[in-house]
Amino acid sequence: MGNVSATSSRFQRLILPGLAFKAAVIGGGYATGRELAEYFIPSGPQGGVLAILVAMVCWSVVCALTFALAHATRRFDYHGLFGDLLGPFAFVFELAYLVFMVLILAVFGAAAGAIGEAMFGWPKLVGTLALMVGIGVFTAFGNQSVERLFKWVSFFLYGIYVLFVVFVLSSFGDRALAIFQTPVPTDGWLSGGLTYAGYNIVGAVIVLPLARHFTSRRDAVVAGVLAGPLAMVPGLLFFICMVAWYPQIGAQALPSDYMLGKLDMPVFHLLFQAMIFSALLESGAAAVHATNERIAVAWRERRKAELPHAWRFFIAAAVLVGSIFIADRFGLVALIAKGYRGLAYLFLAVYVLPLLTVGVWRLWRRAPRAAVVPFHEA
């Protein structure tokens, strides 16, 4: 792989990991506002903001520790990192991640099909296939291609969110302010924030390939701390806009469509749908790229060569077909969805708990200057 960190820019070391983490967690639910309505609206406007801040802090802490541990061990794929954290039980995380990936890619495929149908009147299969091809192409060319995707989609996404906030608050800001000033119960804000953070925390593992850019533990910690705000600030802005239609917004299947309908701006509505498709593309690419990198490490160790682009595309295609079509055909999506909260708890058990115990202990024992020495060689 070479000494990538020696030529990495400040942007690649400090900002790009946070943009990649945002890509991993934003997906279809966050981008449409559905997850915000599910986890934050029930606590009211003030409680929802508190819950969002809780999730943001949790993400920053876990990302900082994960990135620091990856830098210390030179483990830039989840197989290597969890081999250190869990030893012979690392396969439990891999199984959980496989189930997680099948679910989210199936959901993303369905969402892309719905977007294609809504924007252009296409059959749902066309939008789904367009997403699959996009993910396959970007992941086929490895780290640099995926990193460019994270960078440019992030600019587009943040720009659309800023415009959305400006349009909504200029037209409905008085309503949002009045509702924020009205006292309502804030019950459940802590549990809502923690649940949402745990639900998406695996994103820190998905973006491990970017840890190769860090030149020091400080880089890793700063990038991790910034990841929380970079991922959550768009959600906070979106939530503030949603408050203008509190509480009925919580019952909307697609809060973004509901709000865009109120704005009555057809051209911007199309741009927003394109932004959601872009968010699905980068989220799906992040998940598939993590799998490609896990396989690439094993390929490199056994064959002393890099995983060919054609193989990366083939792996991505196999994963996508399996996730989007086979899972839907046999009802696996519904089955997994019913146990998704349990899957989140499993990630807390096999990822967050070992990270906060074994991982912290190993980082504490190591001086920063020794961070590049893998644990198994110590």
Protein backbone atom coordinates (compact mmCIF):
# COMPACT_ATOMS: atom_id res chain seq x y z
CA MET A 1 0.00 0.00 0.00
CA GLY A 2 2.94 2.28 0.52
CA ASN A 3 3.41 5.15 2.89
CA VAL A 4 0.19 6.95 1.98
CA SER A 5 0.19 9.13 5.10
CA ALA A 6 3.46 10.79 4.10
CA THR A 7 1.78 12.47 1.12
CA SER A 8 -1.67 13.01 2.65
CA SER A 9 -3.03 16.54 2.78
CA ARG A 10 -4.54 18.18 5.86
CA PHE A 11 -7.96 17.76 4.24
CA GLN A 12 -7.41 14.01 3.81
CA ARG A 13 -6.16 13.64 7.38
CA LEU A 14 -8.68 15.74 9.29
CA ILE A 15 -11.81 16.38 7.21
CA LEU A 16 -12.20 13.52 4.74
CA PRO A 17 -12.75 10.82 7.42
CA GLY A 18 -15.65 12.86 8.82
CA LEU A 19 -17.15 13.30 5.36
CA ALA A 20 -16.83 9.55 4.82
CA PHE A 21 -18.48 8.87 8.18
CA LYS A 22 -21.31 11.21 7.17
CA ALA A 23 -21.58 9.22 3.92
CA ALA A 24 -21.85 5.98 5.86
CA VAL A 25 -24.64 7.12 8.17
CA ILE A 26 -26.77 9.53 6.14
CA GLY A 27 -28.38 6.93 3.88
CA GLY A 28 -32.02 7.11 2.89
CA GLY A 29 -33.64 7.64 6.29
CA TYR A 30 -31.52 10.55 7.49
CA ALA A 31 -31.52 12.26 4.09
CA THR A 32 -35.33 12.17 3.84
CA GLY A 33 -35.83 13.17 7.48
CA ARG A 34 -37.55 9.89 8.36
CA GLU A 35 -34.97 8.86 10.97
CA LEU A 36 -35.02 12.36 12.45
CA ALA A 37 -38.80 12.11 12.83
CA GLU A 38 -38.47 8.66 14.37
CA TYR A 39 -35.81 9.35 16.98
CA PHE A 40 -35.96 13.09 17.72
CA ILE A 41 -39.42 14.53 17.06
CA PRO A 42 -41.04 12.47 19.89
CA SER A 43 -38.94 14.44 22.42
CA GLY A 44 -40.28 17.77 21.14
CA PRO A 45 -38.32 20.63 19.57
CA GLN A 46 -36.03 21.34 22.52
CA GLY A 47 -35.63 17.68 23.46
CA GLY A 48 -34.94 16.77 19.85
CA VAL A 49 -32.05 19.22 19.69
CA LEU A 50 -30.65 17.75 22.91
CA ALA A 51 -30.96 14.23 21.48
CA ILE A 52 -29.15 15.29 18.31
CA LEU A 53 -26.31 16.73 20.39
CA VAL A 54 -26.11 13.46 22.37
CA ALA A 55 -25.80 11.45 19.15
CA MET A 56 -23.18 13.86 17.82
CA VAL A 57 -21.02 13.58 20.95
CA CYS A 58 -21.30 9.77 20.96
CA TRP A 59 -20.21 9.62 17.34
CA SER A 60 -17.25 11.92 17.99
CA VAL A 61 -16.04 9.84 20.94
CA VAL A 62 -16.37 6.47 19.21
CA CYS A 63 -14.88 7.74 15.94
CA ALA A 64 -11.91 9.30 17.76
CA LEU A 65 -11.15 6.05 19.63
CA THR A 66 -11.69 3.88 16.53
CA PHE A 67 -9.48 6.04 14.34
CA ALA A 68 -6.76 6.24 17.01
CA LEU A 69 -6.79 2.46 17.45
CA ALA A 70 -6.68 1.87 13.68
CA HIS A 71 -3.70 4.24 13.40
CA ALA A 72 -1.92 2.60 16.33
CA THR A 73 -2.33 -0.92 14.94
CA ARG A 74 -2.08 -0.03 11.24
CA ARG A 75 -5.36 -1.90 10.79
CA PHE A 76 -7.27 -0.26 7.96
CA ASP A 77 -10.00 -2.86 7.49
CA TYR A 78 -12.55 -4.21 9.96
CA HIS A 79 -11.20 -7.78 9.81
CA GLY A 80 -7.78 -6.71 11.10
CA LEU A 81 -9.14 -4.31 13.73
CA PHE A 82 -11.56 -6.81 15.21
CA GLY A 83 -8.98 -9.54 15.08
CA ASP A 84 -7.12 -7.41 17.64
CA LEU A 85 -10.18 -6.44 19.66
CA LEU A 86 -12.08 -9.74 19.73
CA GLY A 87 -9.46 -12.36 18.91
CA PRO A 88 -11.12 -15.67 17.89
CA PHE A 89 -14.56 -14.08 18.24
CA ALA A 90 -13.93 -11.57 15.44
CA PHE A 91 -16.19 -13.63 13.18
CA VAL A 92 -19.19 -12.47 15.26
CA PHE A 93 -18.65 -8.90 14.09
CA GLU A 94 -18.16 -10.01 10.49
CA LEU A 95 -21.46 -11.90 10.55
CA ALA A 96 -23.24 -8.91 12.11
CA TYR A 97 -21.74 -6.61 9.49
CA LEU A 98 -22.83 -8.91 6.66
CA VAL A 99 -26.41 -8.87 7.93
CA PHE A 100 -26.26 -5.10 8.38
CA MET A 101 -24.96 -4.59 4.84
CA VAL A 102 -27.67 -6.80 3.31
CA LEU A 103 -30.32 -4.75 5.06
CA ILE A 104 -29.08 -1.26 4.25
CA LEU A 105 -28.27 -2.04 0.61
CA ALA A 106 -31.72 -3.56 0.14
CA VAL A 107 -33.29 -0.45 1.67
CA PHE A 108 -31.09 1.82 -0.46
CA GLY A 109 -32.04 -0.08 -3.61
CA ALA A 110 -35.74 0.28 -2.85
CA ALA A 111 -35.30 4.00 -2.13
CA ALA A 112 -33.38 4.57 -5.38
CA GLY A 113 -36.14 2.83 -7.31
CA ALA A 114 -38.73 5.09 -5.70
CA ILE A 115 -36.69 8.20 -6.56
CA GLY A 116 -36.37 7.17 -10.23
CA GLU A 117 -40.10 6.57 -10.39
CA ALA A 118 -40.94 9.90 -8.74
CA MET A 119 -38.51 12.02 -10.79
CA PHE A 120 -38.74 10.47 -14.25
CA GLY A 121 -41.60 7.98 -14.18
CA TRP A 122 -39.16 5.07 -14.59
CA PRO A 123 -39.96 1.53 -13.45
CA LYS A 124 -38.54 1.05 -9.96
CA LEU A 125 -36.04 -1.50 -11.27
CA VAL A 126 -34.32 1.19 -13.36
CA GLY A 127 -33.54 3.42 -10.39
CA THR A 128 -32.32 0.42 -8.42
CA LEU A 129 -30.03 -0.68 -11.27
CA ALA A 130 -28.69 2.87 -11.66
CA LEU A 131 -27.68 2.86 -7.99
CA MET A 132 -26.05 -0.56 -8.34
CA VAL A 133 -24.02 0.48 -11.37
CA GLY A 134 -22.92 3.69 -9.67
CA ILE A 135 -21.77 1.88 -6.54
CA GLY A 136 -20.00 -0.77 -8.61
CA VAL A 137 -18.12 1.76 -10.73
CA PHE A 138 -16.93 3.93 -7.84
CA THR A 139 -15.85 0.98 -5.67
CA ALA A 140 -14.12 -0.81 -8.56
CA PHE A 141 -11.29 1.73 -8.64
CA GLY A 142 -10.45 1.57 -4.94
CA ASN A 143 -9.69 4.18 -2.32
CA GLN A 144 -9.03 7.22 -4.51
CA SER A 145 -12.25 6.82 -6.47
CA VAL A 146 -14.37 6.39 -3.33
CA GLU A 147 -12.65 9.33 -1.63
CA ARG A 148 -13.45 11.60 -4.57
CA LEU A 149 -17.07 10.48 -4.35
CA PHE A 150 -17.20 11.39 -0.64
CA LYS A 151 -15.67 14.79 -1.33
CA TRP A 152 -17.82 15.98 -4.23
CA VAL A 153 -21.10 14.49 -3.05
CA SER A 154 -20.49 16.18 0.31
CA PHE A 155 -20.21 19.58 -1.37
CA PHE A 156 -23.45 18.94 -3.26
CA LEU A 157 -25.24 17.61 -0.18
CA TYR A 158 -24.20 20.45 2.15
CA GLY A 159 -25.10 22.99 -0.53
CA ILE A 160 -28.60 21.56 -1.00
CA TYR A 161 -29.16 21.44 2.75
CA VAL A 162 -28.11 25.08 3.11
CA LEU A 163 -30.52 26.13 0.35
CA PHE A 164 -33.26 24.03 1.91
CA VAL A 165 -32.78 25.70 5.30
CA VAL A 166 -32.78 29.16 3.71
CA PHE A 167 -35.96 28.47 1.73
CA VAL A 168 -37.84 26.92 4.64
CA LEU A 169 -36.86 29.45 7.30
CA SER A 170 -37.45 32.43 5.01
CA SER A 171 -41.02 31.21 4.44
CA PHE A 172 -41.84 29.39 7.67
CA GLY A 173 -39.21 30.59 10.14
CA ASP A 174 -41.75 32.47 12.26
CA ARG A 175 -43.69 29.25 12.79
CA ALA A 176 -40.56 27.32 13.75
CA LEU A 177 -39.49 30.03 16.20
CA ALA A 178 -42.93 30.18 17.82
CA ILE A 179 -42.97 26.40 18.29
CA PHE A 180 -39.44 26.40 19.75
CA GLN A 181 -40.61 29.00 22.27
CA THR A 182 -43.62 26.90 23.31
CA PRO A 183 -42.78 24.59 26.25
CA VAL A 184 -43.48 20.92 25.49
CA PRO A 185 -42.35 17.71 27.24
CA THR A 186 -38.82 16.63 26.39
CA ASP A 187 -39.16 13.06 27.64
CA GLY A 188 -36.86 10.49 26.08
CA TRP A 189 -34.26 12.83 24.60
CA LEU A 190 -31.34 10.95 26.15
CA SER A 191 -32.54 7.49 25.11
CA GLY A 192 -33.46 8.80 21.65
CA GLY A 193 -30.00 10.24 21.11
CA LEU A 194 -28.23 7.13 22.40
CA THR A 195 -30.42 4.79 20.37
CA TYR A 196 -29.85 6.72 17.17
CA ALA A 197 -26.10 6.91 17.82
CA GLY A 198 -25.91 3.16 18.45
CA TYR A 199 -28.05 2.46 15.40
CA ASN A 200 -25.46 4.08 13.13
CA ILE A 201 -22.19 3.73 15.03
CA VAL A 202 -20.88 1.01 12.73
CA GLY A 203 -20.20 3.84 10.27
CA ALA A 204 -16.91 4.46 12.08
CA VAL A 205 -15.79 0.96 11.12
CA ILE A 206 -16.97 1.30 7.53
CA VAL A 207 -14.61 4.23 6.90
CA LEU A 208 -11.48 2.57 8.34
CA PRO A 209 -9.65 2.58 4.95
CA LEU A 210 -9.26 6.36 5.34
CA ALA A 211 -7.27 5.89 8.55
CA ARG A 212 -4.23 5.24 6.38
CA HIS A 213 -3.94 9.02 5.89
CA PHE A 214 -3.20 9.76 9.55
CA THR A 215 0.37 10.74 10.36
CA SER A 216 -0.09 10.83 14.13
CA ARG A 217 -2.49 9.91 16.92
CA ARG A 218 -3.44 13.58 17.07
CA ASP A 219 -4.64 13.41 13.45
CA ALA A 220 -6.79 10.40 14.29
CA VAL A 221 -8.35 11.99 17.38
CA VAL A 222 -9.02 15.35 15.71
CA ALA A 223 -10.57 13.65 12.67
CA GLY A 224 -12.75 11.53 14.95
CA VAL A 225 -13.93 14.50 17.00
CA LEU A 226 -14.81 16.40 13.82
CA ALA A 227 -16.68 13.42 12.39
CA GLY A 228 -19.58 13.88 14.80
CA PRO A 229 -20.41 17.49 13.79
CA LEU A 230 -19.70 16.86 10.09
CA ALA A 231 -22.23 14.02 10.11
CA MET A 232 -24.85 15.58 12.37
CA VAL A 233 -24.96 19.30 11.52
CA PRO A 234 -27.04 18.72 8.35
CA GLY A 235 -29.44 16.69 10.48
CA LEU A 236 -29.67 19.47 13.06
CA LEU A 237 -30.47 22.03 10.36
CA PHE A 238 -33.04 19.70 8.82
CA PHE A 239 -34.63 19.13 12.24
CA ILE A 240 -34.91 22.88 12.89
CA CYS A 241 -36.84 23.18 9.62
CA MET A 242 -39.07 20.21 10.53
CA VAL A 243 -40.13 21.96 13.72
CA ALA A 244 -42.21 24.41 11.66
CA TRP A 245 -44.69 21.53 11.18
CA TYR A 246 -44.42 19.97 14.63
CA PRO A 247 -45.99 17.64 15.71
CA GLN A 248 -47.70 16.38 12.52
CA ILE A 249 -44.35 16.07 10.73
CA GLY A 250 -43.56 13.07 12.93
CA ALA A 251 -46.25 11.00 11.21
CA GLN A 252 -45.01 11.67 7.68
CA ALA A 253 -43.37 8.72 5.90
CA LEU A 254 -41.15 11.14 3.94
CA PRO A 255 -40.80 14.42 5.87
CA SER A 256 -38.66 15.92 3.11
CA ASP A 257 -41.41 15.44 0.50
CA TYR A 258 -43.99 16.89 2.87
CA MET A 259 -41.88 20.01 3.47
CA LEU A 260 -40.92 20.42 -0.18
CA GLY A 261 -44.59 20.23 -1.06
CA LYS A 262 -45.23 23.14 1.30
CA LEU A 263 -42.44 25.12 -0.39
CA ASP A 264 -43.97 24.45 -3.82
CA MET A 265 -40.67 24.73 -5.69
CA PRO A 266 -40.67 21.94 -8.34
CA VAL A 267 -37.13 22.52 -9.63
CA PHE A 268 -35.62 22.51 -6.14
CA HIS A 269 -37.72 19.44 -5.35
CA LEU A 270 -35.94 17.62 -8.19
CA LEU A 271 -32.54 18.82 -6.92
CA PHE A 272 -33.37 17.55 -3.45
CA GLN A 273 -34.32 14.14 -4.86
CA ALA A 274 -31.02 14.10 -6.75
CA MET A 275 -29.23 14.89 -3.47
CA ILE A 276 -30.98 11.95 -1.78
CA PHE A 277 -29.90 9.65 -4.62
CA SER A 278 -26.33 10.95 -4.20
CA ALA A 279 -26.54 10.23 -0.46
CA LEU A 280 -27.69 6.68 -1.21
CA LEU A 281 -24.79 6.31 -3.66
CA GLU A 282 -22.11 7.40 -1.20
CA SER A 283 -23.63 5.41 1.69
CA GLY A 284 -23.82 2.26 -0.42
CA ALA A 285 -20.32 2.82 -1.78
CA ALA A 286 -18.96 3.22 1.76
CA ALA A 287 -20.48 -0.09 2.89
CA VAL A 288 -19.34 -2.05 -0.17
CA HIS A 289 -15.87 -0.46 -0.20
CA ALA A 290 -15.32 -1.62 3.39
CA THR A 291 -15.97 -5.19 2.25
CA ASN A 292 -13.69 -4.77 -0.77
CA GLU A 293 -10.89 -3.51 1.46
CA ARG A 294 -11.34 -6.41 3.86
CA ILE A 295 -10.92 -8.82 0.91
CA ALA A 296 -8.08 -6.74 -0.57
CA VAL A 297 -6.00 -7.16 2.59
CA ALA A 298 -6.34 -10.96 2.46
CA TRP A 299 -5.56 -10.90 -1.29
CA ARG A 300 -2.44 -8.78 -0.68
CA GLU A 301 -1.19 -11.07 2.08
CA ARG A 302 -1.64 -14.27 0.08
CA ARG A 303 -0.76 -13.14 -3.44
CA LYS A 304 1.58 -10.21 -2.74
CA ALA A 305 -0.41 -8.11 -5.20
CA GLU A 306 -3.25 -5.61 -5.22
CA LEU A 307 -6.85 -6.72 -5.72
CA PRO A 308 -7.61 -6.06 -9.44
CA HIS A 309 -10.24 -3.48 -10.38
CA ALA A 310 -12.27 -6.15 -12.17
CA TRP A 311 -12.43 -8.23 -9.00
CA ARG A 312 -13.52 -5.19 -6.98
CA PHE A 313 -16.36 -4.58 -9.42
CA PHE A 314 -17.31 -8.28 -9.41
CA ILE A 315 -17.39 -8.38 -5.59
CA ALA A 316 -19.47 -5.19 -5.46
CA ALA A 317 -21.89 -6.60 -8.06
CA ALA A 318 -22.25 -9.88 -6.17
CA VAL A 319 -22.87 -8.09 -2.87
CA LEU A 320 -25.39 -5.71 -4.44
CA VAL A 321 -27.32 -8.37 -6.32
CA GLY A 322 -27.46 -10.52 -3.23
CA SER A 323 -28.55 -7.69 -1.00
CA ILE A 324 -31.04 -5.90 -3.24
CA PHE A 325 -32.68 -8.76 -5.12
CA ILE A 326 -32.20 -12.02 -3.26
CA ALA A 327 -32.94 -10.46 0.13
CA ASP A 328 -36.13 -8.89 -1.20
CA ARG A 329 -37.20 -12.03 -3.07
CA PHE A 330 -36.97 -14.31 -0.05
CA GLY A 331 -38.25 -11.87 2.52
CA LEU A 332 -34.94 -11.48 4.31
CA VAL A 333 -35.33 -7.70 4.46
CA ALA A 334 -38.52 -7.94 6.51
CA LEU A 335 -36.97 -10.63 8.70
CA ILE A 336 -33.83 -8.62 9.37
CA ALA A 337 -35.73 -5.38 9.84
CA LYS A 338 -37.68 -6.92 12.68
CA GLY A 339 -34.44 -7.69 14.45
CA TYR A 340 -32.60 -4.50 13.49
CA ARG A 341 -32.73 -3.05 16.97
CA GLY A 342 -31.23 -6.30 18.20
CA LEU A 343 -28.52 -5.94 15.56
CA ALA A 344 -27.73 -2.47 16.94
CA TYR A 345 -27.37 -3.94 20.43
CA LEU A 346 -25.10 -6.63 18.98
CA PHE A 347 -22.82 -3.93 17.54
CA LEU A 348 -22.72 -2.28 20.96
CA ALA A 349 -21.66 -5.61 22.48
CA VAL A 350 -19.05 -6.67 19.89
CA TYR A 351 -17.76 -3.22 18.91
CA VAL A 352 -18.42 -0.36 21.33
CA LEU A 353 -17.88 -2.31 24.57
CA PRO A 354 -14.56 -3.88 23.46
CA LEU A 355 -13.47 -0.50 22.08
CA LEU A 356 -14.18 1.30 25.35
CA THR A 357 -12.39 -1.39 27.39
CA VAL A 358 -9.75 -3.37 25.49
CA GLY A 359 -9.19 -0.62 22.93
CA VAL A 360 -8.81 2.19 25.47
CA TRP A 361 -6.53 0.05 27.64
CA ARG A 362 -4.23 -0.71 24.70
CA LEU A 363 -4.11 2.92 23.60
CA TRP A 364 -3.33 4.00 27.17
CA ARG A 365 -0.44 1.52 27.40
CA ARG A 366 1.14 2.76 24.21
CA ALA A 367 3.18 5.91 23.87
CA PRO A 368 2.29 7.85 20.69
CA ARG A 369 5.75 7.25 19.27
CA ALA A 370 5.11 3.50 19.36
CA ALA A 371 1.71 3.77 17.70
CA VAL A 372 2.86 2.34 14.37
CA VAL A 373 3.84 -1.02 15.94
CA PRO A 374 1.01 -3.57 15.57
CA PHE A 375 -0.15 -5.15 18.82
CA HIS A 376 0.65 -8.67 17.69
CA GLU A 377 4.27 -7.64 17.15
CA ALA A 378 4.59 -5.90 20.53
